[in-house]
Amino acid sequence: MLETTRDLWEEVRGERIFLTGGTGFFGCWLLESFLWANERLDLGASAAVLTRDPERFHRKAPHLANDSAITLQRGDVRDFAFPDGDFPFVVHAATEASARQEREAPLEMLSTIVDGTRRTLDFASSHGTKKFLLTSSGAVYGKQPEEITHISEDFRGGPDPTSKGSAYAEGKRMAELLCSLYSAGTVMECKIARCFAFAGPYLPLDIHFAIGNFIRDAMQGKVIRVLGDGTPYRSYMYAGDAVTWLWTMLFRAPSLRPFNVGSEHAISIRELARITADTLNPGSDVVIDGHHEPGIPVERYVPCTRAARESLGLAERVDVRESILRTARWNGYGKSHEFASD
């Protein structure tokens, strides 16, 4: 990350960053990379990190929580108290992409995304923020048409606004609109990163992410079970590549021009299960529970990243096999035959 972004960090020298969602998957990677650059480039920068549970974060990542450049601020993203002083840079990475929450509490999910974004923009617009990064989602495009193999930023489709299953996607669409409204007539630049699927250390292995579930089962020596028919296509970017892209977008991307963040290397869920098994537990079985019905379109969720590559000079450096291996090693793979659950 630092090799790719070294020249960009001069802008942060002696400055403060405000980060929401700093204790989640993206947040931990953003803090790891920020602290790495801060120390090695002697930037003298600091970051205030909003979290609902500082004590839990201390247990999860004490090396981050206890760093002198990090200040943890307790609060909910929807109504947090504003810290004093100017923060030239704000990264809004809050909102868990929880399938369970969208299924069981869609109004809560929508409120967290929309009200949280508005509160963070209120903070940024009143605290000297020059550059604001929103981690949006590829979900804003809605269902990817079968004939489009890689969806680009100029696609004008969208999710079904009458479906409660669209709470996350519609919330992210509204978050992007709020960025446009708040930045109008101000000096604040709003950068929009439409994020797809990822792997790497800090990825939860026990929720709805297929790649995380497959890694967990392979590490435990279990059969990898695909609950559906295995035909949907996804792509997985390594988190180290993702944060390189996100920092570059914060510093260099044009205001209000969305950029996709993700891998273009499409892989079916069936293939992903087999690759995970072969990488971590060679010879283990993969079971596909479902059967694909003829005539049913194959689902895809794969970005086109030409804009990021050509406009910002970004590239993907770690492939899916290496991503799987690094995620597993971080979770104890190779140290014992048992899964390190904590």
Foldseek 3Di string as FASTA:
>chain_A
DCVLCVVLCLVQQLAEEEEEPLQADLNVLLLVVVVVSCVVVVRNYAYEYEDQDLVVSCVVCVVRSVDPRYHYAHDQLLDGDADDAAHQEYEYPDADPAPVCLVPPLVVRLCSLQSSLLSVLVNNLVRNHQFYEYEAALQQQAFDDLVDLAAEPPRDHGHDPVDSSCSRNVSSVNSLVSQVVSPPPHNHFYFYEHEFAEFAASDDLPGDDLLSVLLQQLLLVHAAEAAEQQQAKGFYAYSNLQSSLRSLRRRPNGGSRYFYGTDQDIDTSQRSSVLSNCLRPPPGHYHYNYHDDPPDRHTYRGHDGPCCCVVRVGDGDDHPSRRSVNRNVSQPRPVDSDTNND
